[in-house]
Amino acid sequence: MIERVQASSERVRNILSIQSWVSYGHAGNASAVFPLQRLGFEVWAVHTVQFSNHTGYGQWRGQVLSTEHVAEVIEGIADRGVLHECDAVLSGYMGDANTAGAILNAVTRVREANPGALYCCDPVMGDVGRGVFVRPEIPEVMRERAVAAADIVTPNHFELELLTGREVRTLQDALQAATELRARIWAHGPRIVVVTSLVREDAPDDAIETLMLSGEGAWTVRTPLLPLDPPRNGTGDAVAALFLGHYLRSGNVPHSLENAVSALYNMLELTHRRGSREIQLIAAQDEYLQPSRRFAAQQVA
């Protein structure tokens, strides 16, 4: 069963991506835009911050852009009379809680112009080992506003726990938390939860998983755990974009999951082989359309 296929294949599809931007390396829009373009999408990128590099280095320069700036750029896009051609909105890191208002206003306007458009919310807040790395008010905004408006939500393991208040140690824990989160999602969409970087007690120590829950069921994709220390920034942004892109192309939930996770693993494996601190986003570009090594999605009860 295909839940929903967006847009006509006779035109180039468009995604409004509202995320952070780094000039050096890859995170936020600098991690999401290129894979989507490689998949054939036009991306209207709106930046919530402008940093020299991602914060994983511990030092960076730049600034969080104001809510007014974000809203003004979105308004300028709307002035072109093109919102009816927008097939999806993708959001990620919010430098300021007030930015959520500008993002959700954009989602509302896009849906009014194109009722078939999707909203994919990557609730960027923190990670295992780093804890919460956003402003203190952001988690509540994500829980109460952004998730409730989304069609697709892509938290990592840490963010799933933060959004639901549940400790996730086993597959059953993860399924229960994902089920609870899915119940909060906008009722008129496909209501998909994709949990990345899932590490659980009842799985092999040398593996990492991605769990997906939708109206069609639940699946996991397991890949080897690469010894990347420190963990590379931008991976969550990339996999959210890859899943959204493949889902818009095919409407097939497990196939989209397989493609996104397989492409991400192959890109990270290349990153590891090259010993790079930055993900090899450009060098791995052929993986986004046709992963060279595939990992199958396994349906779970």
C-alpha atoms as a PDB file:
ATOM      1  CA  MET A   1       0.000   0.000   0.000  1.00  0.00           C
ATOM      2  CA  ILE A   2       1.272   3.455  -0.915  1.00  0.00           C
ATOM      3  CA  GLU A   3       0.160   6.103   1.537  1.00  0.00           C
ATOM      4  CA  ARG A   4       0.642   9.132  -0.659  1.00  0.00           C
ATOM      5  CA  VAL A   5       2.555  10.097  -3.762  1.00  0.00           C
ATOM      6  CA  GLN A   6       3.204  13.797  -4.170  1.00  0.00           C
ATOM      7  CA  ALA A   7       3.124  15.922  -7.266  1.00  0.00           C
ATOM      8  CA  SER A   8       3.302  15.122 -10.933  1.00  0.00           C
ATOM      9  CA  SER A   9       6.373  13.563 -12.489  1.00  0.00           C
ATOM     10  CA  GLU A  10       5.896  15.977 -15.419  1.00  0.00           C
ATOM     11  CA  ARG A  11       7.414  18.912 -13.544  1.00  0.00           C
ATOM     12  CA  VAL A  12      10.368  19.493 -11.269  1.00  0.00           C
ATOM     13  CA  ARG A  13       9.215  19.330  -7.662  1.00  0.00           C
ATOM     14  CA  ASN A  14      10.093  21.940  -5.084  1.00  0.00           C
ATOM     15  CA  ILE A  15      11.008  21.770  -1.398  1.00  0.00           C
ATOM     16  CA  LEU A  16      11.149  24.720   0.984  1.00  0.00           C
ATOM     17  CA  SER A  17      13.977  23.907   3.412  1.00  0.00           C
ATOM     18  CA  ILE A  18      14.246  26.090   6.533  1.00  0.00           C
ATOM     19  CA  GLN A  19      17.378  25.186   8.497  1.00  0.00           C
ATOM     20  CA  SER A  20      20.765  26.384   9.678  1.00  0.00           C
ATOM     21  CA  TRP A  21      23.631  27.094   7.285  1.00  0.00           C
ATOM     22  CA  VAL A  22      27.382  26.643   7.652  1.00  0.00           C
ATOM     23  CA  SER A  23      29.874  28.012   5.152  1.00  0.00           C
ATOM     24  CA  TYR A  24      32.582  25.440   5.889  1.00  0.00           C
ATOM     25  CA  GLY A  25      31.564  21.783   5.996  1.00  0.00           C
ATOM     26  CA  HIS A  26      28.117  20.306   6.203  1.00  0.00           C
ATOM     27  CA  ALA A  27      25.211  20.735   8.619  1.00  0.00           C
ATOM     28  CA  GLY A  28      21.627  21.931   8.301  1.00  0.00           C
ATOM     29  CA  ASN A  29      20.859  23.194   4.811  1.00  0.00           C
ATOM     30  CA  ALA A  30      24.509  22.656   3.878  1.00  0.00           C
ATOM     31  CA  SER A  31      23.858  18.958   4.512  1.00  0.00           C
ATOM     32  CA  ALA A  32      20.300  18.677   3.164  1.00  0.00           C
ATOM     33  CA  VAL A  33      20.142  20.812   0.036  1.00  0.00           C
ATOM     34  CA  PHE A  34      22.647  19.000  -2.189  1.00  0.00           C
ATOM     35  CA  PRO A  35      21.247  15.455  -1.702  1.00  0.00           C
ATOM     36  CA  LEU A  36      17.774  16.784  -2.544  1.00  0.00           C
ATOM     37  CA  GLN A  37      19.100  18.515  -5.631  1.00  0.00           C
ATOM     38  CA  ARG A  38      20.884  15.313  -6.628  1.00  0.00           C
ATOM     39  CA  LEU A  39      17.517  13.544  -6.348  1.00  0.00           C
ATOM     40  CA  GLY A  40      16.059  16.043  -8.802  1.00  0.00           C
ATOM     41  CA  PHE A  41      14.368  18.589  -6.539  1.00  0.00           C
ATOM     42  CA  GLU A  42      14.536  22.358  -6.640  1.00  0.00           C
ATOM     43  CA  VAL A  43      15.283  23.503  -3.088  1.00  0.00           C
ATOM     44  CA  TRP A  44      14.240  26.909  -1.789  1.00  0.00           C
ATOM     45  CA  ALA A  45      16.693  27.233   1.086  1.00  0.00           C
ATOM     46  CA  VAL A  46      15.966  29.622   3.942  1.00  0.00           C
ATOM     47  CA  HIS A  47      18.630  29.832   6.647  1.00  0.00           C
ATOM     48  CA  THR A  48      17.881  30.187  10.363  1.00  0.00           C
ATOM     49  CA  VAL A  49      21.533  30.784  11.279  1.00  0.00           C
ATOM     50  CA  GLN A  50      24.660  31.707   9.334  1.00  0.00           C
ATOM     51  CA  PHE A  51      27.723  30.126  10.942  1.00  0.00           C
ATOM     52  CA  SER A  52      31.277  29.703   9.734  1.00  0.00           C
ATOM     53  CA  ASN A  53      31.203  25.989  10.603  1.00  0.00           C
ATOM     54  CA  HIS A  54      29.125  23.533  12.606  1.00  0.00           C
ATOM     55  CA  THR A  55      29.215  23.695  16.389  1.00  0.00           C
ATOM     56  CA  GLY A  56      30.860  20.287  16.746  1.00  0.00           C
ATOM     57  CA  TYR A  57      34.233  22.028  16.553  1.00  0.00           C
ATOM     58  CA  GLY A  58      33.474  23.914  19.749  1.00  0.00           C
ATOM     59  CA  GLN A  59      34.258  27.259  18.119  1.00  0.00           C
ATOM     60  CA  TRP A  60      32.425  29.082  15.356  1.00  0.00           C
ATOM     61  CA  ARG A  61      31.589  32.545  14.151  1.00  0.00           C
ATOM     62  CA  GLY A  62      28.385  34.001  12.799  1.00  0.00           C
ATOM     63  CA  GLN A  63      24.939  34.657  14.149  1.00  0.00           C
ATOM     64  CA  VAL A  64      21.448  33.345  14.669  1.00  0.00           C
ATOM     65  CA  LEU A  65      19.245  35.116  12.155  1.00  0.00           C
ATOM     66  CA  SER A  66      16.195  36.911  13.483  1.00  0.00           C
ATOM     67  CA  THR A  67      12.662  35.617  13.145  1.00  0.00           C
ATOM     68  CA  GLU A  68      11.912  38.736  11.116  1.00  0.00           C
ATOM     69  CA  HIS A  69      14.696  37.882   8.684  1.00  0.00           C
ATOM     70  CA  VAL A  70      13.423  34.322   8.208  1.00  0.00           C
ATOM     71  CA  ALA A  71       9.838  35.506   7.762  1.00  0.00           C
ATOM     72  CA  GLU A  72      10.916  38.214   5.293  1.00  0.00           C
ATOM     73  CA  VAL A  73      12.757  35.733   3.078  1.00  0.00           C
ATOM     74  CA  ILE A  74       9.762  33.381   3.083  1.00  0.00           C
ATOM     75  CA  GLU A  75       7.481  36.321   2.259  1.00  0.00           C
ATOM     76  CA  GLY A  76       9.703  37.181  -0.674  1.00  0.00           C
ATOM     77  CA  ILE A  77       9.316  33.642  -2.025  1.00  0.00           C
ATOM     78  CA  ALA A  78       5.539  33.909  -1.582  1.00  0.00           C
ATOM     79  CA  ASP A  79       5.627  37.177  -3.546  1.00  0.00           C
ATOM     80  CA  ARG A  80       6.735  35.186  -6.566  1.00  0.00           C
ATOM     81  CA  GLY A  81       3.358  33.410  -6.521  1.00  0.00           C
ATOM     82  CA  VAL A  82       4.925  29.963  -6.365  1.00  0.00           C
ATOM     83  CA  LEU A  83       3.712  28.448  -3.083  1.00  0.00           C
ATOM     84  CA  HIS A  84       1.219  26.278  -4.974  1.00  0.00           C
ATOM     85  CA  GLU A  85       4.231  24.605  -6.596  1.00  0.00           C
ATOM     86  CA  CYS A  86       5.823  23.703  -3.248  1.00  0.00           C
ATOM     87  CA  ASP A  87       5.576  19.957  -2.590  1.00  0.00           C
ATOM     88  CA  ALA A  88       7.097  19.890   0.898  1.00  0.00           C
ATOM     89  CA  VAL A  89       8.487  21.971   3.717  1.00  0.00           C
ATOM     90  CA  LEU A  90      11.541  20.634   5.566  1.00  0.00           C
ATOM     91  CA  SER A  91      12.641  22.211   8.844  1.00  0.00           C
ATOM     92  CA  GLY A  92      15.616  21.527  11.087  1.00  0.00           C
ATOM     93  CA  TYR A  93      17.696  23.523  13.553  1.00  0.00           C
ATOM     94  CA  MET A  94      15.897  26.540  14.994  1.00  0.00           C
ATOM     95  CA  GLY A  95      18.284  29.059  16.482  1.00  0.00           C
ATOM     96  CA  ASP A  96      15.454  30.833  18.263  1.00  0.00           C
ATOM     97  CA  ALA A  97      12.122  29.506  19.558  1.00  0.00           C
ATOM     98  CA  ASN A  98      10.319  32.349  17.816  1.00  0.00           C
ATOM     99  CA  THR A  99      11.551  30.970  14.502  1.00  0.00           C
ATOM    100  CA  ALA A 100       8.981  28.191  14.930  1.00  0.00           C
ATOM    101  CA  GLY A 101       6.239  30.738  14.320  1.00  0.00           C
ATOM    102  CA  ALA A 102       7.726  31.748  10.973  1.00  0.00           C
ATOM    103  CA  ILE A 103       8.201  28.103   9.969  1.00  0.00           C
ATOM    104  CA  LEU A 104       4.686  27.029  10.931  1.00  0.00           C
ATOM    105  CA  ASN A 105       3.203  30.059   9.212  1.00  0.00           C
ATOM    106  CA  ALA A 106       5.043  28.985   6.069  1.00  0.00           C
ATOM    107  CA  VAL A 107       3.674  25.448   6.434  1.00  0.00           C
ATOM    108  CA  THR A 108       0.130  26.789   6.752  1.00  0.00           C
ATOM    109  CA  ARG A 109       0.488  28.999   3.694  1.00  0.00           C
ATOM    110  CA  VAL A 110       2.008  26.215   1.608  1.00  0.00           C
ATOM    111  CA  ARG A 111      -0.798  23.833   2.586  1.00  0.00           C
ATOM    112  CA  GLU A 112      -3.403  26.448   1.692  1.00  0.00           C
ATOM    113  CA  ALA A 113      -1.821  26.847  -1.735  1.00  0.00           C
ATOM    114  CA  ASN A 114      -1.153  23.109  -2.203  1.00  0.00           C
ATOM    115  CA  PRO A 115      -3.185  20.833   0.110  1.00  0.00           C
ATOM    116  CA  GLY A 116      -1.056  17.849  -0.930  1.00  0.00           C
ATOM    117  CA  ALA A 117       2.190  19.347   0.352  1.00  0.00           C
ATOM    118  CA  LEU A 118       4.002  17.600   3.213  1.00  0.00           C
ATOM    119  CA  TYR A 119       5.774  19.015   6.250  1.00  0.00           C
ATOM    120  CA  CYS A 120       8.820  17.066   7.437  1.00  0.00           C
ATOM    121  CA  CYS A 121      10.077  18.206  10.841  1.00  0.00           C
ATOM    122  CA  ASP A 122      13.584  17.198  11.886  1.00  0.00           C
ATOM    123  CA  PRO A 123      13.394  18.118  15.605  1.00  0.00           C
ATOM    124  CA  VAL A 124      17.051  19.040  16.059  1.00  0.00           C
ATOM    125  CA  MET A 125      17.692  19.417  19.792  1.00  0.00           C
ATOM    126  CA  GLY A 126      20.539  17.187  20.941  1.00  0.00           C
ATOM    127  CA  ASP A 127      22.212  13.816  20.815  1.00  0.00           C
ATOM    128  CA  VAL A 128      23.536  11.024  23.015  1.00  0.00           C
ATOM    129  CA  GLY A 129      26.801  12.125  24.601  1.00  0.00           C
ATOM    130  CA  ARG A 130      26.235  15.813  23.871  1.00  0.00           C
ATOM    131  CA  GLY A 131      22.874  16.288  25.547  1.00  0.00           C
ATOM    132  CA  VAL A 132      20.684  19.233  24.592  1.00  0.00           C
ATOM    133  CA  PHE A 133      22.580  21.731  22.446  1.00  0.00           C
ATOM    134  CA  VAL A 134      19.782  24.176  21.618  1.00  0.00           C
ATOM    135  CA  ARG A 135      18.317  26.997  23.655  1.00  0.00           C
ATOM    136  CA  PRO A 136      16.302  25.811  26.683  1.00  0.00           C
ATOM    137  CA  GLU A 137      12.929  26.803  25.243  1.00  0.00           C
ATOM    138  CA  ILE A 138      13.336  24.857  21.988  1.00  0.00           C
ATOM    139  CA  PRO A 139      12.319  21.353  23.245  1.00  0.00           C
ATOM    140  CA  GLU A 140       8.907  22.595  24.391  1.00  0.00           C
ATOM    141  CA  VAL A 141       8.356  24.361  21.077  1.00  0.00           C
ATOM    142  CA  MET A 142       9.246  21.165  19.240  1.00  0.00           C
ATOM    143  CA  ARG A 143       6.933  19.045  21.406  1.00  0.00           C
ATOM    144  CA  GLU A 144       3.946  21.344  21.494  1.00  0.00           C
ATOM    145  CA  ARG A 145       3.994  23.043  18.104  1.00  0.00           C
ATOM    146  CA  ALA A 146       6.318  21.683  15.430  1.00  0.00           C
ATOM    147  CA  VAL A 147       5.618  17.963  15.880  1.00  0.00           C
ATOM    148  CA  ALA A 148       1.871  18.570  16.052  1.00  0.00           C
ATOM    149  CA  ALA A 149       1.965  20.285  12.661  1.00  0.00           C
ATOM    150  CA  ALA A 150       4.152  17.711  10.895  1.00  0.00           C
ATOM    151  CA  ASP A 151       3.415  14.867   8.504  1.00  0.00           C
ATOM    152  CA  ILE A 152       6.844  13.290   9.008  1.00  0.00           C
ATOM    153  CA  VAL A 153       9.060  13.576  12.100  1.00  0.00           C
ATOM    154  CA  THR A 154      12.698  12.392  12.138  1.00  0.00           C
ATOM    155  CA  PRO A 155      14.118  12.447  15.693  1.00  0.00           C
ATOM    156  CA  ASN A 156      17.282  10.657  16.685  1.00  0.00           C
ATOM    157  CA  HIS A 157      17.296   8.287  19.679  1.00  0.00           C
ATOM    158  CA  PHE A 158      18.005  11.090  22.155  1.00  0.00           C
ATOM    159  CA  GLU A 159      15.359  13.373  20.668  1.00  0.00           C
ATOM    160  CA  LEU A 160      12.739  10.613  20.740  1.00  0.00           C
ATOM    161  CA  GLU A 161      13.291  10.284  24.491  1.00  0.00           C
ATOM    162  CA  LEU A 162      13.207  14.058  24.919  1.00  0.00           C
ATOM    163  CA  LEU A 163       9.980  14.466  22.951  1.00  0.00           C
ATOM    164  CA  THR A 164       8.116  11.644  24.723  1.00  0.00           C
ATOM    165  CA  GLY A 165       9.693  11.588  28.195  1.00  0.00           C
ATOM    166  CA  ARG A 166      10.281   7.852  27.747  1.00  0.00           C
ATOM    167  CA  GLU A 167      13.541   5.980  28.262  1.00  0.00           C
ATOM    168  CA  VAL A 168      14.303   3.886  25.190  1.00  0.00           C
ATOM    169  CA  ARG A 169      16.462   0.829  25.885  1.00  0.00           C
ATOM    170  CA  THR A 170      14.785  -1.943  23.863  1.00  0.00           C
ATOM    171  CA  LEU A 171      12.943  -2.308  20.578  1.00  0.00           C
ATOM    172  CA  GLN A 172       9.651  -2.430  22.458  1.00  0.00           C
ATOM    173  CA  ASP A 173      10.555   0.813  24.233  1.00  0.00           C
ATOM    174  CA  ALA A 174      11.317   2.433  20.881  1.00  0.00           C
ATOM    175  CA  LEU A 175       8.077   1.219  19.317  1.00  0.00           C
ATOM    176  CA  GLN A 176       6.029   2.503  22.249  1.00  0.00           C
ATOM    177  CA  ALA A 177       7.717   5.901  22.160  1.00  0.00           C
ATOM    178  CA  ALA A 178       7.377   6.162  18.370  1.00  0.00           C
ATOM    179  CA  THR A 179       3.708   5.171  18.616  1.00  0.00           C
ATOM    180  CA  GLU A 180       3.119   7.888  21.193  1.00  0.00           C
ATOM    181  CA  LEU A 181       4.915  10.450  19.046  1.00  0.00           C
ATOM    182  CA  ARG A 182       3.001   9.404  15.921  1.00  0.00           C
ATOM    183  CA  ALA A 183      -0.278   9.957  17.774  1.00  0.00           C
ATOM    184  CA  ARG A 184       0.663  13.640  18.168  1.00  0.00           C
ATOM    185  CA  ILE A 185       1.355  14.211  14.479  1.00  0.00           C
ATOM    186  CA  TRP A 186      -1.007  16.128  12.213  1.00  0.00           C
ATOM    187  CA  ALA A 187      -3.928  13.806  11.579  1.00  0.00           C
ATOM    188  CA  HIS A 188      -4.382  14.515   7.851  1.00  0.00           C
ATOM    189  CA  GLY A 189      -0.949  13.403   6.617  1.00  0.00           C
ATOM    190  CA  PRO A 190       0.916  10.105   6.317  1.00  0.00           C
ATOM    191  CA  ARG A 191       2.032  10.408   9.974  1.00  0.00           C
ATOM    192  CA  ILE A 192       5.487   8.880   9.665  1.00  0.00           C
ATOM    193  CA  VAL A 193       8.055   8.710  12.474  1.00  0.00           C
ATOM    194  CA  VAL A 194      11.659   7.919  11.516  1.00  0.00           C
ATOM    195  CA  VAL A 195      13.977   7.332  14.505  1.00  0.00           C
ATOM    196  CA  THR A 196      17.652   7.576  13.574  1.00  0.00           C
ATOM    197  CA  SER A 197      20.785   6.472  15.456  1.00  0.00           C
ATOM    198  CA  LEU A 198      18.851   3.907  17.499  1.00  0.00           C
ATOM    199  CA  VAL A 199      21.094   1.873  19.787  1.00  0.00           C
ATOM    200  CA  ARG A 200      19.319  -0.655  22.010  1.00  0.00           C
ATOM    201  CA  GLU A 201      20.201  -3.346  24.506  1.00  0.00           C
ATOM    202  CA  ASP A 202      18.484  -6.125  22.551  1.00  0.00           C
ATOM    203  CA  ALA A 203      20.525  -5.608  19.363  1.00  0.00           C
ATOM    204  CA  PRO A 204      24.157  -6.408  18.501  1.00  0.00           C
ATOM    205  CA  ASP A 205      26.726  -4.030  19.979  1.00  0.00           C
ATOM    206  CA  ASP A 206      28.358  -3.477  16.596  1.00  0.00           C
ATOM    207  CA  ALA A 207      25.178  -2.268  14.916  1.00  0.00           C
ATOM    208  CA  ILE A 208      23.062   0.868  14.733  1.00  0.00           C
ATOM    209  CA  GLU A 209      19.480   1.040  13.506  1.00  0.00           C
ATOM    210  CA  THR A 210      16.874   3.328  12.036  1.00  0.00           C
ATOM    211  CA  LEU A 211      13.282   2.613  13.050  1.00  0.00           C
ATOM    212  CA  MET A 212      10.295   3.802  11.053  1.00  0.00           C
ATOM    213  CA  LEU A 213       6.638   3.707  12.070  1.00  0.00           C
ATOM    214  CA  SER A 214       3.752   4.564   9.756  1.00  0.00           C
ATOM    215  CA  GLY A 215       0.168   3.519   9.155  1.00  0.00           C
ATOM    216  CA  GLU A 216       1.506   0.585   7.149  1.00  0.00           C
ATOM    217  CA  GLY A 217       3.535  -0.840  10.035  1.00  0.00           C
ATOM    218  CA  ALA A 218       7.016  -0.627  11.506  1.00  0.00           C
ATOM    219  CA  TRP A 219      10.411  -1.396   9.969  1.00  0.00           C
ATOM    220  CA  THR A 220      14.034  -1.261  11.026  1.00  0.00           C
ATOM    221  CA  VAL A 221      17.154  -0.969   8.909  1.00  0.00           C
ATOM    222  CA  ARG A 222      20.352  -2.149  10.620  1.00  0.00           C
ATOM    223  CA  THR A 223      23.830  -1.101   9.522  1.00  0.00           C
ATOM    224  CA  PRO A 224      27.304  -1.710  10.964  1.00  0.00           C
ATOM    225  CA  LEU A 225      28.367   0.807  13.599  1.00  0.00           C
ATOM    226  CA  LEU A 226      31.286   2.742  12.138  1.00  0.00           C
ATOM    227  CA  PRO A 227      34.012   3.876  14.601  1.00  0.00           C
ATOM    228  CA  LEU A 228      33.563   7.578  13.913  1.00  0.00           C
ATOM    229  CA  ASP A 229      34.977   9.502  16.862  1.00  0.00           C
ATOM    230  CA  PRO A 230      33.855  12.190  17.244  1.00  0.00           C
ATOM    231  CA  PRO A 231      30.468  11.484  15.646  1.00  0.00           C
ATOM    232  CA  ARG A 232      30.129  13.432  12.418  1.00  0.00           C
ATOM    233  CA  ASN A 233      27.802  16.410  12.313  1.00  0.00           C
ATOM    234  CA  GLY A 234      25.164  16.768   9.619  1.00  0.00           C
ATOM    235  CA  THR A 235      24.193  13.111   9.363  1.00  0.00           C
ATOM    236  CA  GLY A 236      20.697  13.605  10.781  1.00  0.00           C
ATOM    237  CA  ASP A 237      20.076  16.537   8.430  1.00  0.00           C
ATOM    238  CA  ALA A 238      21.188  14.428   5.467  1.00  0.00           C
ATOM    239  CA  VAL A 239      19.091  11.347   6.269  1.00  0.00           C
ATOM    240  CA  ALA A 240      15.955  13.427   6.907  1.00  0.00           C
ATOM    241  CA  ALA A 241      16.388  15.052   3.507  1.00  0.00           C
ATOM    242  CA  LEU A 242      17.107  11.727   1.810  1.00  0.00           C
ATOM    243  CA  PHE A 243      14.049  10.058   3.324  1.00  0.00           C
ATOM    244  CA  LEU A 244      11.781  12.955   2.392  1.00  0.00           C
ATOM    245  CA  GLY A 245      13.167  13.069  -1.130  1.00  0.00           C
ATOM    246  CA  HIS A 246      12.776   9.353  -1.753  1.00  0.00           C
ATOM    247  CA  TYR A 247       9.299   9.348  -0.230  1.00  0.00           C
ATOM    248  CA  LEU A 248       8.211  12.204  -2.500  1.00  0.00           C
ATOM    249  CA  ARG A 249       9.623  10.299  -5.473  1.00  0.00           C
ATOM    250  CA  SER A 250       8.069   6.913  -4.738  1.00  0.00           C
ATOM    251  CA  GLY A 251       5.477   7.104  -1.965  1.00  0.00           C
ATOM    252  CA  ASN A 252       6.838   3.724  -0.838  1.00  0.00           C
ATOM    253  CA  VAL A 253       7.645   3.825   2.882  1.00  0.00           C
ATOM    254  CA  PRO A 254      10.091   0.899   3.387  1.00  0.00           C
ATOM    255  CA  HIS A 255      11.766   1.520   0.024  1.00  0.00           C
ATOM    256  CA  SER A 256      12.359   5.154   0.974  1.00  0.00           C
ATOM    257  CA  LEU A 257      13.812   4.066   4.309  1.00  0.00           C
ATOM    258  CA  GLU A 258      16.155   1.555   2.673  1.00  0.00           C
ATOM    259  CA  ASN A 259      17.405   4.101   0.147  1.00  0.00           C
ATOM    260  CA  ALA A 260      17.964   6.839   2.714  1.00  0.00           C
ATOM    261  CA  VAL A 261      19.749   4.699   5.304  1.00  0.00           C
ATOM    262  CA  SER A 262      21.838   2.809   2.741  1.00  0.00           C
ATOM    263  CA  ALA A 263      22.963   6.050   1.092  1.00  0.00           C
ATOM    264  CA  LEU A 264      23.842   7.566   4.463  1.00  0.00           C
ATOM    265  CA  TYR A 265      25.868   4.513   5.536  1.00  0.00           C
ATOM    266  CA  ASN A 266      27.808   4.449   2.266  1.00  0.00           C
ATOM    267  CA  MET A 267      28.575   8.152   2.615  1.00  0.00           C
ATOM    268  CA  LEU A 268      29.728   7.671   6.223  1.00  0.00           C
ATOM    269  CA  GLU A 269      31.832   4.652   5.284  1.00  0.00           C
ATOM    270  CA  LEU A 270      33.589   6.824   2.692  1.00  0.00           C
ATOM    271  CA  THR A 271      34.025   9.516   5.347  1.00  0.00           C
ATOM    272  CA  HIS A 272      35.634   6.954   7.665  1.00  0.00           C
ATOM    273  CA  ARG A 273      37.961   5.617   4.971  1.00  0.00           C
ATOM    274  CA  ARG A 274      39.138   9.122   4.148  1.00  0.00           C
ATOM    275  CA  GLY A 275      39.586  10.037   7.801  1.00  0.00           C
ATOM    276  CA  SER A 276      37.603  13.225   7.265  1.00  0.00           C
ATOM    277  CA  ARG A 277      36.135  15.322  10.082  1.00  0.00           C
ATOM    278  CA  GLU A 278      33.439  16.466   7.641  1.00  0.00           C
ATOM    279  CA  ILE A 279      30.965  14.087   6.025  1.00  0.00           C
ATOM    280  CA  GLN A 280      31.864  13.373   2.399  1.00  0.00           C
ATOM    281  CA  LEU A 281      28.586  14.739   1.096  1.00  0.00           C
ATOM    282  CA  ILE A 282      29.758  15.695  -2.381  1.00  0.00           C
ATOM    283  CA  ALA A 283      32.096  12.771  -3.010  1.00  0.00           C
ATOM    284  CA  ALA A 284      29.301  10.293  -2.198  1.00  0.00           C
ATOM    285  CA  GLN A 285      26.714  11.917  -4.464  1.00  0.00           C
ATOM    286  CA  ASP A 286      26.060   8.861  -6.640  1.00  0.00           C
ATOM    287  CA  GLU A 287      24.862   6.998  -3.545  1.00  0.00           C
ATOM    288  CA  TYR A 288      21.793   9.200  -3.189  1.00  0.00           C
ATOM    289  CA  LEU A 289      20.132   7.924  -6.348  1.00  0.00           C
ATOM    290  CA  GLN A 290      21.341   4.319  -6.274  1.00  0.00           C
ATOM    291  CA  PRO A 291      23.147   3.104  -3.119  1.00  0.00           C
ATOM    292  CA  SER A 292      26.073   0.829  -3.983  1.00  0.00           C
ATOM    293  CA  ARG A 293      25.493  -1.246  -0.871  1.00  0.00           C
ATOM    294  CA  ARG A 294      21.925  -1.799   0.263  1.00  0.00           C
ATOM    295  CA  PHE A 295      20.544  -2.655   3.683  1.00  0.00           C
ATOM    296  CA  ALA A 296      17.085  -4.186   3.699  1.00  0.00           C
ATOM    297  CA  ALA A 297      14.205  -2.909   5.795  1.00  0.00           C
ATOM    298  CA  GLN A 298      12.904  -5.599   8.162  1.00  0.00           C
ATOM    299  CA  GLN A 299       9.287  -5.371   9.256  1.00  0.00           C
ATOM    300  CA  VAL A 300       8.728  -5.728  12.996  1.00  0.00           C
ATOM    301  CA  ALA A 301       5.623  -6.458  15.014  1.00  0.00           C
END
